[in-house]
Amino acid sequence: MQCPKCKIEAAIVKSEYITVNDDSPDKETELYLQHEYACRNHACDNFKKVIATVKNPLRLSKDTTET
């Protein structure tokens, strides 16, 4: 991920797990790992500003014997 202004590679400044449908027994729960990216160039106007948020799905298994 690059900053759109200065084209320097951005840094991950925050990561968190996001659940969807966790409170509904009728729907399958979905789990995501969400990253926020910020510019790390001191000379850029976007320095330390979140420039992108990416949500990646994580596979959930119902098999309790899986290692």
Protein backbone atom coordinates (compact mmCIF):
# COMPACT_ATOMS: atom_id res chain seq x y z
CA MET A 1 0.00 0.00 0.00
CA GLN A 2 1.44 3.37 -1.03
CA CYS A 3 0.53 6.90 0.00
CA PRO A 4 -1.39 8.47 -2.90
CA LYS A 5 0.48 11.79 -2.49
CA CYS A 6 4.14 10.87 -1.95
CA LYS A 7 4.13 7.23 -3.19
CA ILE A 8 6.08 6.05 -0.11
CA GLU A 9 5.14 2.63 1.28
CA ALA A 10 2.57 3.11 4.06
CA ALA A 11 2.80 1.57 7.53
CA ILE A 12 0.17 -0.48 9.33
CA VAL A 13 -0.85 1.66 12.29
CA LYS A 14 -3.76 -0.40 13.60
CA SER A 15 -4.96 -3.99 13.33
CA GLU A 16 -8.13 -5.45 14.77
CA TYR A 17 -10.47 -8.40 14.39
CA ILE A 18 -13.95 -7.61 13.10
CA THR A 19 -16.89 -10.02 13.42
CA VAL A 20 -20.02 -9.96 11.30
CA ASN A 21 -23.25 -11.81 12.19
CA ASP A 22 -21.81 -12.76 15.56
CA ASP A 23 -25.03 -11.84 17.32
CA SER A 24 -27.32 -13.78 14.97
CA PRO A 25 -27.86 -17.54 15.40
CA ASP A 26 -29.48 -17.70 11.94
CA LYS A 27 -26.42 -16.49 10.02
CA GLU A 28 -22.90 -17.81 9.84
CA THR A 29 -20.33 -15.71 11.70
CA GLU A 30 -17.70 -14.04 9.54
CA LEU A 31 -14.30 -12.99 10.88
CA TYR A 32 -12.07 -10.34 9.33
CA LEU A 33 -8.66 -8.89 10.12
CA GLN A 34 -8.78 -5.15 9.48
CA HIS A 35 -5.63 -3.06 8.96
CA GLU A 36 -5.37 0.72 8.86
CA TYR A 37 -2.50 2.18 6.84
CA ALA A 38 -0.93 5.60 7.37
CA CYS A 39 1.76 7.57 5.56
CA ARG A 40 5.18 7.43 7.24
CA ASN A 41 6.85 10.24 5.26
CA HIS A 42 7.53 13.23 7.54
CA ALA A 43 7.48 15.64 4.57
CA CYS A 44 4.06 14.49 3.28
CA ASP A 45 0.74 16.20 4.04
CA ASN A 46 -0.67 12.74 4.85
CA PHE A 47 1.95 12.00 7.53
CA LYS A 48 0.36 9.84 10.27
CA LYS A 49 -3.06 10.13 8.59
CA VAL A 50 -4.97 6.94 7.80
CA ILE A 51 -4.92 6.65 4.01
CA ALA A 52 -6.56 3.22 3.65
CA THR A 53 -8.41 0.55 5.56
CA VAL A 54 -8.22 -3.05 4.33
CA LYS A 55 -10.47 -5.82 5.63
CA ASN A 56 -9.21 -9.37 4.95
CA PRO A 57 -11.49 -12.37 5.56
CA LEU A 58 -10.28 -15.14 7.86
CA ARG A 59 -11.54 -18.69 7.43
CA LEU A 60 -13.55 -20.12 10.29
CA SER A 61 -13.80 -23.84 10.91
CA LYS A 62 -16.56 -25.73 12.69
CA ASP A 63 -14.26 -28.71 13.19
CA THR A 64 -13.12 -28.67 16.82
CA THR A 65 -10.44 -31.30 16.18
CA GLU A 66 -8.58 -29.17 13.64
CA THR A 67 -5.03 -28.21 14.66
